[in-house]
């Protein structure tokens, strides 16, 4: 059966886009309440209110909600359960400038955009009428709308399912993933209460062309992983008039960026697919005002994608780069000072700097051995008070503050680099067909894509890693638990501001696929979703995948 869903998914998408649900604003809660109202209006959930939850996120400084709905199939006695998932928050709208008030208006925005010079590709798509414009249209409210339509369909036809279907509309994907982390607790609870056996997760996050001539549409198995290696760099301060008397941490950070930024050697590869190389997301020194003293400390963090590397391997690779950067700076400074002495007639004497690099695990252990429980208790209390006093403090800044505080306990104050992780961890999920669940999902999706291909005028291609950060990473562990130990030991905020929910993830632990929206310019002024592919073909691929996994006549 081919579903006639275009008009209704379009209507639902427009309705969701018109709700400004920028991450960390009240709009997240507004959008969740509207989705909850949609499900609450269905007779299925009116008769089974316990299978629909408006869940406030836990351990969160913002009031926002997930919507989690469960449809139980009546076409057999199977406990197999498929999870649909999609996020309802969006990034901000600063780039819209004077058009901000229309950023969430799919009707008015195209007319306004057509008056701007935005390039040939945007002009062509505006004139084609094939795209819906607006913040969140592509990323990813159209995906959530398609899943809402499917849930309504199966709620009306539970006899078509020999198993169960859960839909999660989660908040906070664009920041720290409080939404999916909170939702995992419901999945763990429902697994026990309803006797569920989780077999797969289907995300509907967005996809986009790889280049201007790319006509393919994509379905992705698995997902890319992501860490945020951070470098806290302590130099030696000096007056600018005696610049060679110190070591400027900004120079060390600049060399780190030179070695790491878009370095293809740091790409990670698996199954013939390669990650984008690391890129700098922030670098700054710790001076808060102008003086003619060089900075004492600086820091930088870099986005690192993974396909096969574990957190421990990423930390080892980043430590190697820190050592290389330190060595290079020492060599550069020595050469520069020699030349300066020659030109100025001063007597050259060797500079005192030595390469000194720690991981957070190594630095913490050294201080704990040096100061004992007094240091351990102090840092724990400092962390708790910092969080209690400013619960909205950015997670990355929180981690830097902890490392900065620990540095006060160091006996050796000579320049050093401390490497640590400072952000939410997104696990890589690689599907190789090694388990029955993976083979089942791989086969089901491939069959569904093949069947729907006849309705598409563009090739629908499957790939093995979703290339963008997404909440799919919380559906499976990705690495062995001992490999994840390195994550805990190298994240200063662990246990207070952040903890990766290993046990909750282990209770779900399913293969994942992204059968998601298609369009262009996610996170940009010209964000747009291709309507026919997203409102019609994607729900049909998802529908057929669900039927192959849970159909009343299957297995």
Protein backbone atom coordinates (compact mmCIF):
# COMPACT_ATOMS: atom_id res chain seq x y z
CA UNK A 1 0.00 0.00 0.00
CA UNK A 2 1.22 3.52 -0.86
CA UNK A 3 0.17 6.17 1.63
CA UNK A 4 -1.54 9.35 0.49
CA UNK A 5 -0.09 11.57 3.21
CA UNK A 6 1.32 14.65 1.47
CA UNK A 7 -1.39 17.19 2.27
CA UNK A 8 -1.75 16.27 5.92
CA UNK A 9 2.00 16.08 6.62
CA UNK A 10 2.39 19.47 4.93
CA UNK A 11 -0.36 20.94 7.11
CA UNK A 12 1.19 19.52 10.28
CA UNK A 13 4.62 20.81 9.27
CA UNK A 14 3.30 24.33 8.69
CA UNK A 15 1.59 24.26 12.05
CA UNK A 16 4.75 23.16 13.87
CA UNK A 17 7.00 25.62 12.02
CA UNK A 18 4.75 28.51 13.08
CA UNK A 19 5.58 27.73 16.73
CA UNK A 20 8.92 29.47 17.47
CA UNK A 21 10.64 26.73 19.45
CA UNK A 22 14.19 28.06 19.58
CA UNK A 23 16.30 25.98 21.95
CA UNK A 24 16.33 27.28 25.54
CA UNK A 25 13.18 29.37 25.03
CA UNK A 26 9.59 28.82 26.16
CA UNK A 27 8.72 27.88 22.57
CA UNK A 28 10.10 24.40 23.18
CA UNK A 29 7.36 23.81 25.74
CA UNK A 30 4.73 25.38 23.46
CA UNK A 31 5.62 23.05 20.62
CA UNK A 32 5.58 19.99 22.89
CA UNK A 33 2.15 20.92 24.24
CA UNK A 34 0.77 21.24 20.70
CA UNK A 35 2.05 17.78 19.77
CA UNK A 36 0.63 16.39 22.99
CA UNK A 37 -2.74 17.93 22.10
CA UNK A 38 -2.56 16.24 18.69
CA UNK A 39 -2.10 12.81 20.25
CA UNK A 40 -4.61 13.52 23.04
CA UNK A 41 -7.29 14.19 20.43
CA UNK A 42 -6.97 10.67 18.99
CA UNK A 43 -9.52 8.13 20.26
CA UNK A 44 -6.73 5.59 20.78
CA UNK A 45 -4.98 7.72 23.42
CA UNK A 46 -8.24 9.00 24.92
CA UNK A 47 -8.92 5.36 25.78
CA UNK A 48 -5.30 4.71 26.86
CA UNK A 49 -4.03 7.94 28.46
CA UNK A 50 -1.29 6.04 30.29
CA UNK A 51 0.41 5.43 26.92
CA UNK A 52 0.92 9.14 26.27
CA UNK A 53 3.30 11.29 28.32
CA UNK A 54 4.16 14.98 28.35
CA UNK A 55 7.47 14.60 30.14
CA UNK A 56 9.31 17.54 31.65
CA UNK A 57 13.04 17.15 31.20
CA UNK A 58 15.01 16.22 34.30
CA UNK A 59 18.05 17.95 35.82
CA UNK A 60 17.43 20.84 33.46
CA UNK A 61 17.62 24.59 34.07
CA UNK A 62 14.91 25.24 31.44
CA UNK A 63 11.24 24.24 31.58
CA UNK A 64 10.66 22.14 28.49
CA UNK A 65 9.07 18.86 27.56
CA UNK A 66 9.18 15.69 25.51
CA UNK A 67 6.11 14.00 24.09
CA UNK A 68 6.25 10.20 24.19
CA UNK A 69 3.47 8.04 22.74
CA UNK A 70 3.06 4.25 22.61
CA UNK A 71 0.81 2.34 20.19
CA UNK A 72 0.46 -1.36 20.96
CA UNK A 73 -0.20 -3.58 17.98
CA UNK A 74 -3.02 -6.13 18.07
CA UNK A 75 -1.87 -8.20 15.09
CA UNK A 76 -0.02 -10.71 17.25
CA UNK A 77 1.64 -11.20 20.61
CA UNK A 78 5.14 -9.98 19.78
CA UNK A 79 6.89 -7.68 22.25
CA UNK A 80 9.09 -6.19 19.50
CA UNK A 81 9.08 -2.40 19.59
CA UNK A 82 10.30 0.20 17.11
CA UNK A 83 11.15 3.72 18.31
CA UNK A 84 10.44 6.75 16.12
CA UNK A 85 12.27 9.90 17.15
CA UNK A 86 12.65 13.53 16.14
CA UNK A 87 13.47 16.83 17.80
CA UNK A 88 11.19 19.84 18.05
CA UNK A 89 13.68 22.58 18.97
CA UNK A 90 15.44 24.80 16.46
CA UNK A 91 18.53 26.96 16.36
CA UNK A 92 18.17 30.73 16.65
CA UNK A 93 17.20 33.26 14.00
CA UNK A 94 19.83 36.00 14.28
CA UNK A 95 20.84 35.55 10.65
CA UNK A 96 17.33 36.56 9.55
CA UNK A 97 18.08 40.18 10.50
CA UNK A 98 15.15 42.41 9.55
CA UNK A 99 13.16 39.31 8.54
CA UNK A 100 13.20 37.84 12.06
CA UNK A 101 9.46 38.31 12.61
CA UNK A 102 8.79 36.18 9.53
CA UNK A 103 11.36 33.43 10.21
CA UNK A 104 8.59 31.02 11.24
CA UNK A 105 6.09 32.00 8.53
CA UNK A 106 6.23 29.55 5.58
CA UNK A 107 3.71 31.65 3.63
CA UNK A 108 5.24 35.11 3.92
CA UNK A 109 8.94 34.25 4.07
CA UNK A 110 9.40 33.07 0.42
CA UNK A 111 8.01 36.36 -0.88
CA UNK A 112 10.46 38.32 1.28
CA UNK A 113 13.41 36.11 0.39
CA UNK A 114 12.68 36.51 -3.32
CA UNK A 115 13.41 40.21 -2.94
CA UNK A 116 16.98 39.48 -1.81
CA UNK A 117 19.98 38.42 -3.88
CA UNK A 118 20.59 34.98 -2.38
CA UNK A 119 22.14 33.24 -5.38
CA UNK A 120 20.90 31.21 -8.31
CA UNK A 121 20.20 27.98 -6.41
CA UNK A 122 17.93 29.69 -3.87
CA UNK A 123 16.17 31.69 -6.58
CA UNK A 124 15.52 28.52 -8.58
CA UNK A 125 14.10 26.70 -5.54
CA UNK A 126 11.91 29.68 -4.62
CA UNK A 127 10.43 29.75 -8.12
CA UNK A 128 9.97 25.98 -8.33
CA UNK A 129 7.35 25.84 -5.59
CA UNK A 130 8.84 22.51 -4.50
CA UNK A 131 10.24 23.77 -1.20
CA UNK A 132 8.85 25.06 2.08
CA UNK A 133 10.98 27.77 3.67
CA UNK A 134 11.18 28.65 7.37
CA UNK A 135 13.22 28.00 10.47
CA UNK A 136 12.72 24.39 11.53
CA UNK A 137 11.01 23.31 8.30
CA UNK A 138 13.98 21.15 7.34
CA UNK A 139 15.60 20.67 10.73
CA UNK A 140 13.39 18.96 11.55
CA UNK A 141 9.71 19.62 12.21
CA UNK A 142 8.69 18.09 8.89
CA UNK A 143 10.22 14.83 10.10
CA UNK A 144 8.27 15.01 13.36
CA UNK A 145 5.09 15.80 11.38
CA UNK A 146 5.56 12.69 9.26
CA UNK A 147 5.97 10.55 12.36
CA UNK A 148 2.87 12.10 13.92
CA UNK A 149 0.92 11.13 10.80
CA UNK A 150 2.22 7.56 10.99
CA UNK A 151 1.39 7.27 14.68
CA UNK A 152 -2.16 8.43 13.97
CA UNK A 153 -2.39 5.88 11.17
CA UNK A 154 -1.22 2.96 13.31
CA UNK A 155 -3.33 4.13 16.27
CA UNK A 156 -6.31 3.71 13.94
CA UNK A 157 -4.97 0.40 12.55
CA UNK A 158 -3.18 -1.40 15.40
CA UNK A 159 -4.15 -4.72 13.85
CA UNK A 160 -1.46 -4.10 11.22
CA UNK A 161 1.25 -4.34 13.89
CA UNK A 162 2.59 -7.49 15.49
CA UNK A 163 4.55 -5.45 18.00
CA UNK A 164 4.63 -1.90 19.29
CA UNK A 165 5.48 1.58 18.07
CA UNK A 166 6.80 4.45 20.20
CA UNK A 167 7.21 8.04 19.00
CA UNK A 168 9.42 10.51 20.85
CA UNK A 169 9.23 14.22 20.02
CA UNK A 170 12.19 15.46 22.04
CA UNK A 171 13.42 18.92 22.94
CA UNK A 172 16.96 20.29 23.36
CA UNK A 173 18.68 18.43 20.54
CA UNK A 174 20.44 21.61 19.47
CA UNK A 175 22.20 22.16 22.82
CA UNK A 176 22.86 19.51 25.48
CA UNK A 177 20.33 16.75 24.65
CA UNK A 178 18.39 17.00 27.92
CA UNK A 179 15.36 15.84 25.94
CA UNK A 180 16.51 12.45 24.71
CA UNK A 181 18.48 11.81 27.92
CA UNK A 182 15.26 12.31 29.91
CA UNK A 183 13.23 10.25 27.43
CA UNK A 184 15.57 7.29 27.91
CA UNK A 185 14.27 6.96 31.46
CA UNK A 186 10.72 6.54 30.15
CA UNK A 187 11.91 3.97 27.61
CA UNK A 188 13.64 2.05 30.40
CA UNK A 189 10.53 2.29 32.59
CA UNK A 190 8.15 1.21 29.80
CA UNK A 191 10.42 -1.68 28.90
CA UNK A 192 9.72 -3.12 32.34
CA UNK A 193 6.07 -2.06 32.70
CA UNK A 194 4.93 -3.16 29.23
CA UNK A 195 7.41 -5.96 28.61
CA UNK A 196 8.84 -4.27 25.51
CA UNK A 197 11.68 -5.62 23.39
CA UNK A 198 13.36 -2.73 21.57
CA UNK A 199 14.61 -3.74 18.13
CA UNK A 200 15.26 -0.53 16.17
CA UNK A 201 15.14 3.26 16.25
CA UNK A 202 14.17 5.42 13.27
CA UNK A 203 15.23 9.04 13.40
CA UNK A 204 13.83 11.61 10.95
CA UNK A 205 16.60 14.23 11.11
CA UNK A 206 17.51 16.17 8.02
CA UNK A 207 19.70 15.33 5.03
CA UNK A 208 21.03 17.62 2.35
CA UNK A 209 23.08 17.47 -0.88
CA UNK A 210 26.82 16.94 -0.54
CA UNK A 211 27.55 19.35 -3.40
CA UNK A 212 25.74 21.48 -5.98
CA UNK A 213 25.41 18.65 -8.51
CA UNK A 214 24.25 16.03 -5.99
CA UNK A 215 20.77 14.82 -6.99
CA UNK A 216 20.64 11.88 -4.57
CA UNK A 217 18.28 11.51 -1.65
CA UNK A 218 19.77 9.76 1.37
CA UNK A 219 18.87 7.22 4.03
CA UNK A 220 21.55 6.65 6.66
CA UNK A 221 22.25 3.61 8.80
CA UNK A 222 24.07 4.25 12.08
CA UNK A 223 25.35 7.70 12.95
CA UNK A 224 28.51 9.69 13.34
CA UNK A 225 30.01 10.21 16.81
CA UNK A 226 31.25 13.47 18.24
CA UNK A 227 33.51 14.68 21.03
CA UNK A 228 34.75 18.14 21.94
CA UNK A 229 38.42 17.86 22.93
CA UNK A 230 39.36 20.99 24.84
CA UNK A 231 42.83 22.35 25.60
CA UNK A 232 43.47 24.49 28.66
CA UNK A 233 46.80 26.18 28.02
CA UNK A 234 48.83 27.84 30.76
CA UNK A 235 51.68 30.07 29.66
CA UNK A 236 54.06 32.37 31.50
CA UNK A 237 52.96 35.97 31.78
CA UNK A 238 55.30 38.85 31.02
CA UNK A 239 55.30 42.56 30.15
CA UNK A 240 55.06 43.19 26.41
CA UNK A 241 58.33 45.10 26.61
CA UNK A 242 60.00 41.86 27.71
CA UNK A 243 58.01 39.55 25.45
CA UNK A 244 60.67 36.83 25.30
CA UNK A 245 60.58 36.65 29.09
CA UNK A 246 57.29 34.77 28.96
CA UNK A 247 55.39 32.21 26.93
CA UNK A 248 52.16 33.48 25.42
CA UNK A 249 49.44 30.80 25.65
CA UNK A 250 47.78 32.36 22.61
CA UNK A 251 50.73 31.18 20.53
CA UNK A 252 50.28 27.63 21.78
CA UNK A 253 46.57 27.76 21.00
CA UNK A 254 47.29 29.14 17.54
CA UNK A 255 49.66 26.26 16.86
CA UNK A 256 47.10 23.77 18.12
CA UNK A 257 44.58 25.21 15.66
CA UNK A 258 47.11 25.09 12.82
CA UNK A 259 47.75 21.40 13.48
CA UNK A 260 44.13 20.37 14.07
CA UNK A 261 41.93 22.60 11.93
CA UNK A 262 40.59 20.64 8.93
CA UNK A 263 43.56 18.28 9.07
CA UNK A 264 42.65 15.28 6.86
CA UNK A 265 45.01 13.08 8.89
CA UNK A 266 42.52 13.42 11.76
CA UNK A 267 39.56 12.14 9.73
CA UNK A 268 38.11 8.86 10.96
CA UNK A 269 37.17 6.19 8.42
CA UNK A 270 34.97 3.08 8.52
CA UNK A 271 33.13 1.09 5.86
CA UNK A 272 34.57 3.32 3.17
CA UNK A 273 33.06 6.50 4.63
CA UNK A 274 35.20 9.33 6.02
CA UNK A 275 34.34 11.95 8.62
CA UNK A 276 34.82 15.66 8.07
CA UNK A 277 38.10 16.63 9.78
CA UNK A 278 38.10 18.54 13.08
CA UNK A 279 37.32 22.24 13.20
CA UNK A 280 37.75 24.92 15.85
CA UNK A 281 34.57 26.02 17.59
CA UNK A 282 36.18 28.43 20.04
CA UNK A 283 39.52 29.78 21.15
CA UNK A 284 40.07 32.56 23.66
CA UNK A 285 42.40 33.67 26.38
CA UNK A 286 41.33 34.14 29.99
CA UNK A 287 42.04 37.86 30.28
CA UNK A 288 38.89 39.83 31.06
CA UNK A 289 40.33 43.28 30.44
CA UNK A 290 43.08 45.03 28.50
CA UNK A 291 46.54 45.20 30.06
CA UNK A 292 50.07 45.19 28.64
CA UNK A 293 50.69 41.87 30.36
CA UNK A 294 50.49 38.79 28.16
CA UNK A 295 47.71 36.36 29.07
CA UNK A 296 48.31 33.76 31.76
CA UNK A 297 46.03 31.14 30.22
CA UNK A 298 43.96 30.42 27.14
CA UNK A 299 41.78 27.60 25.86
CA UNK A 300 40.34 26.18 22.68
CA UNK A 301 37.97 23.40 21.71
CA UNK A 302 37.51 21.47 18.50
CA UNK A 303 34.70 19.42 17.06
CA UNK A 304 35.93 15.88 16.37
CA UNK A 305 33.73 13.41 14.48
CA UNK A 306 34.20 9.65 14.80
CA UNK A 307 33.24 6.55 12.85
CA UNK A 308 35.50 4.02 14.57
CA UNK A 309 37.55 5.81 17.24
CA UNK A 310 36.64 5.40 20.89
CA UNK A 311 36.78 8.31 23.38
CA UNK A 312 40.10 6.98 24.66
CA UNK A 313 41.59 6.91 21.17
CA UNK A 314 40.41 10.46 20.48
CA UNK A 315 42.00 11.66 23.73
CA UNK A 316 45.28 9.93 22.87
CA UNK A 317 45.32 11.49 19.40
CA UNK A 318 44.59 14.96 20.78
CA UNK A 319 47.32 14.62 23.40
CA UNK A 320 49.75 13.75 20.60
CA UNK A 321 48.76 16.95 18.80
CA UNK A 322 49.25 18.96 21.99
CA UNK A 323 52.76 17.56 22.40
CA UNK A 324 53.53 18.34 18.75
CA UNK A 325 52.19 21.88 19.14
CA UNK A 326 54.24 22.48 22.30
CA UNK A 327 57.42 21.12 20.65
CA UNK A 328 56.85 23.32 17.60
CA UNK A 329 56.31 26.46 19.68
CA UNK A 330 59.44 25.85 21.74
CA UNK A 331 61.48 25.40 18.55
CA UNK A 332 59.92 28.48 16.96
CA UNK A 333 60.55 30.65 20.03
CA UNK A 334 64.16 29.51 20.27
CA UNK A 335 64.78 30.39 16.61
CA UNK A 336 62.99 33.72 16.97
CA UNK A 337 64.93 34.63 20.11
CA UNK A 338 68.28 33.70 18.51
CA UNK A 339 67.50 35.96 15.56
CA UNK A 340 66.30 38.77 17.82
CA UNK A 341 69.50 38.57 19.89
CA UNK A 342 71.62 38.61 16.73
CA UNK A 343 69.87 41.66 15.33
CA UNK A 344 69.77 43.59 18.61
CA UNK A 345 73.27 42.72 19.78
CA UNK A 346 72.10 40.91 22.92
CA UNK A 347 73.71 37.80 24.26
CA UNK A 348 71.65 34.71 23.51
CA UNK A 349 70.80 32.41 26.41
CA UNK A 350 68.52 29.43 25.99
CA UNK A 351 64.84 29.84 26.85
CA UNK A 352 63.60 27.67 29.74
CA UNK A 353 60.44 26.19 28.20
CA UNK A 354 59.81 22.45 28.21
CA UNK A 355 56.94 20.51 26.67
CA UNK A 356 54.42 19.58 29.35
CA UNK A 357 51.09 17.99 28.40
CA UNK A 358 48.50 16.17 30.52
CA UNK A 359 45.14 14.61 29.95
CA UNK A 360 42.64 15.62 32.63
CA UNK A 361 42.83 12.08 34.00
CA UNK A 362 46.61 12.38 34.40
CA UNK A 363 46.50 15.90 35.86
CA UNK A 364 43.74 15.06 38.32
CA UNK A 365 45.59 11.93 39.43
CA UNK A 366 48.80 13.88 39.99
CA UNK A 367 47.02 16.46 42.16
CA UNK A 368 45.14 13.76 44.08
CA UNK A 369 48.40 11.98 44.87
CA UNK A 370 50.02 15.28 45.85
CA UNK A 371 47.25 16.65 48.06
CA UNK A 372 45.14 13.59 48.90
CA UNK A 373 41.46 13.79 49.83
CA UNK A 374 41.73 17.48 50.59
CA UNK A 375 42.03 18.27 46.87
CA UNK A 376 39.39 15.72 45.85
CA UNK A 377 36.85 17.09 48.33
CA UNK A 378 37.64 20.68 47.40
CA UNK A 379 37.09 20.14 43.70
CA UNK A 380 33.87 18.21 44.32
CA UNK A 381 32.53 20.98 46.52
CA UNK A 382 33.67 23.67 44.08
CA UNK A 383 31.87 21.84 41.27
CA UNK A 384 28.63 21.50 43.26
CA UNK A 385 28.64 25.13 44.34
CA UNK A 386 29.41 26.35 40.83
CA UNK A 387 26.48 24.38 39.46
CA UNK A 388 24.13 25.42 42.25
CA UNK A 389 25.09 29.07 41.93
CA UNK A 390 24.75 29.20 38.14
CA UNK A 391 22.82 26.19 36.82
CA UNK A 392 22.54 27.81 33.37
CA UNK A 393 26.31 28.08 32.98
CA UNK A 394 27.35 26.63 29.64
CA UNK A 395 28.69 23.08 29.98
CA UNK A 396 31.88 23.94 28.10
CA UNK A 397 32.58 26.94 30.32
CA UNK A 398 31.77 24.86 33.39
CA UNK A 399 34.45 22.31 32.48
CA UNK A 400 37.02 25.03 31.82
CA UNK A 401 36.27 26.59 35.22
CA UNK A 402 36.93 23.26 36.93
CA UNK A 403 40.27 22.79 35.19
CA UNK A 404 41.17 26.39 36.05
CA UNK A 405 40.36 25.74 39.71
CA UNK A 406 42.39 22.52 39.75
CA UNK A 407 45.36 24.42 38.32
CA UNK A 408 45.47 26.51 41.48
CA UNK A 409 46.58 23.34 43.30
CA UNK A 410 49.48 22.61 40.94
CA UNK A 411 52.91 22.96 42.53
CA UNK A 412 54.72 23.25 39.22
CA UNK A 413 53.44 26.45 37.62
CA UNK A 414 55.52 26.20 34.46
CA UNK A 415 53.61 26.28 31.15
CA UNK A 416 51.42 23.29 30.41
CA UNK A 417 48.54 22.03 28.31
CA UNK A 418 45.68 20.02 29.85
CA UNK A 419 43.48 18.08 27.41
CA UNK A 420 39.92 17.11 28.34
CA UNK A 421 36.39 16.63 26.98
CA UNK A 422 34.02 19.51 27.71
CA UNK A 423 30.72 18.73 26.02
CA UNK A 424 27.93 16.23 25.62
CA UNK A 425 29.21 12.97 24.14
CA UNK A 426 27.57 11.67 20.99
CA UNK A 427 28.31 8.00 20.44
CA UNK A 428 29.21 6.64 17.03
CA UNK A 429 26.87 3.85 15.99
CA UNK A 430 28.20 1.56 13.28
CA UNK A 431 25.98 -1.06 11.70
CA UNK A 432 27.86 -3.99 10.22
CA UNK A 433 25.18 -6.70 10.27
CA UNK A 434 26.94 -8.45 13.14
CA UNK A 435 23.70 -9.01 15.06
CA UNK A 436 20.29 -10.29 14.02
CA UNK A 437 18.72 -6.93 14.92
CA UNK A 438 21.15 -5.09 12.65
CA UNK A 439 20.63 -7.50 9.75
CA UNK A 440 16.87 -7.26 10.19
CA UNK A 441 16.90 -3.46 10.08
CA UNK A 442 19.38 -3.31 7.19
CA UNK A 443 17.25 -5.68 5.10
CA UNK A 444 13.94 -4.03 6.00
CA UNK A 445 15.12 -0.55 5.10
CA UNK A 446 16.78 -1.65 1.87
CA UNK A 447 13.57 -3.37 0.77
CA UNK A 448 11.49 -0.33 1.69
CA UNK A 449 13.81 2.00 -0.23
CA UNK A 450 13.73 -0.26 -3.28
CA UNK A 451 9.92 -0.35 -3.25
CA UNK A 452 9.50 3.42 -2.86
CA UNK A 453 12.22 4.23 -5.40
CA UNK A 454 9.68 3.76 -8.24
CA UNK A 455 7.76 6.79 -6.93
CA UNK A 456 10.85 9.05 -6.81
CA UNK A 457 12.42 10.95 -9.69
CA UNK A 458 15.75 11.02 -7.86
CA UNK A 459 17.96 8.13 -6.68
CA UNK A 460 17.42 7.17 -3.03
CA UNK A 461 20.83 6.10 -1.73
CA UNK A 462 21.71 4.36 1.54
CA UNK A 463 24.91 5.20 3.41
CA UNK A 464 26.41 3.80 6.59
CA UNK A 465 26.83 6.86 8.84
CA UNK A 466 24.46 9.77 9.38
CA UNK A 467 26.97 12.63 8.94
CA UNK A 468 25.57 15.16 11.42
CA UNK A 469 25.28 15.19 15.20
CA UNK A 470 21.91 13.80 16.27
CA UNK A 471 20.04 12.21 19.14
CA UNK A 472 20.41 8.85 17.39
CA UNK A 473 23.70 8.63 19.29
CA UNK A 474 21.74 7.96 22.50
CA UNK A 475 20.07 4.82 21.16
CA UNK A 476 23.13 2.57 21.53
CA UNK A 477 26.39 2.55 23.48
CA UNK A 478 28.65 2.50 20.43
CA UNK A 479 31.70 1.49 22.48
CA UNK A 480 32.42 -1.08 25.14
CA UNK A 481 31.93 0.18 28.68
CA UNK A 482 35.66 0.08 29.47
CA UNK A 483 36.30 2.35 26.48
CA UNK A 484 33.70 4.76 27.83
CA UNK A 485 35.63 4.94 31.11
CA UNK A 486 38.03 7.33 29.38
CA UNK A 487 35.11 9.65 28.73
CA UNK A 488 34.22 9.79 32.42
CA UNK A 489 37.81 10.22 33.58
CA UNK A 490 38.49 13.03 31.12
CA UNK A 491 35.30 15.06 31.57
CA UNK A 492 35.79 17.35 34.61
CA UNK A 493 32.06 18.05 35.03
CA UNK A 494 31.17 14.36 35.19
CA UNK A 495 28.71 13.51 37.93
CA UNK A 496 27.62 17.10 38.64
CA UNK A 497 26.84 19.01 35.45
CA UNK A 498 26.97 16.07 33.05
CA UNK A 499 26.89 12.28 33.07
CA UNK A 500 26.54 10.12 29.99
CA UNK A 501 23.51 7.89 30.72
CA UNK A 502 25.25 4.59 30.05
CA UNK A 503 22.81 2.37 31.98
CA UNK A 504 19.73 3.98 30.42
CA UNK A 505 21.19 3.64 26.93
CA UNK A 506 22.11 0.01 27.62
CA UNK A 507 18.43 -0.69 28.40
CA UNK A 508 17.55 0.36 24.84
CA UNK A 509 20.71 -0.36 22.81
CA UNK A 510 19.25 -0.78 19.32
CA UNK A 511 20.50 -0.30 15.75
CA UNK A 512 19.46 3.00 14.22
CA UNK A 513 18.55 4.39 10.83
CA UNK A 514 17.86 7.96 9.75
CA UNK A 515 14.92 8.10 7.35
CA UNK A 516 14.63 11.83 7.41
CA UNK A 517 13.75 15.11 5.82
CA UNK A 518 15.48 16.35 2.69
CA UNK A 519 16.26 19.92 1.79
CA UNK A 520 18.94 22.58 1.83
CA UNK A 521 20.67 25.13 4.04
CA UNK A 522 19.93 23.78 7.50
CA UNK A 523 20.70 26.40 10.19
CA UNK A 524 20.74 29.15 7.54
CA UNK A 525 18.46 32.00 6.51
CA UNK A 526 17.44 30.01 3.43
CA UNK A 527 16.59 26.76 5.27
CA UNK A 528 14.07 24.87 3.16
CA UNK A 529 12.58 21.41 2.91
CA UNK A 530 11.71 19.57 -0.30
CA UNK A 531 8.03 18.94 0.15
CA UNK A 532 7.23 15.92 -2.00
CA UNK A 533 10.21 13.87 -0.86
CA UNK A 534 9.71 14.76 2.81
CA UNK A 535 5.91 14.84 3.08
CA UNK A 536 5.24 11.81 0.88
CA UNK A 537 8.21 9.56 0.13
CA UNK A 538 9.81 9.61 3.60
CA UNK A 539 6.62 8.58 5.45
CA UNK A 540 6.17 5.79 2.91
CA UNK A 541 9.71 4.48 3.37
CA UNK A 542 9.23 4.65 7.14
CA UNK A 543 5.82 2.97 6.90
CA UNK A 544 7.18 0.07 4.87
CA UNK A 545 10.17 -0.32 7.19
CA UNK A 546 7.83 -0.52 10.18
CA UNK A 547 5.60 -3.04 8.42
CA UNK A 548 8.59 -5.25 7.58
CA UNK A 549 9.83 -5.09 11.17
CA UNK A 550 6.44 -5.34 12.90
CA UNK A 551 3.92 -6.39 10.26
CA UNK A 552 1.22 -8.73 11.51
CA UNK A 553 2.38 -11.42 9.09
CA UNK A 554 6.14 -11.00 9.72
CA UNK A 555 8.23 -13.23 11.95
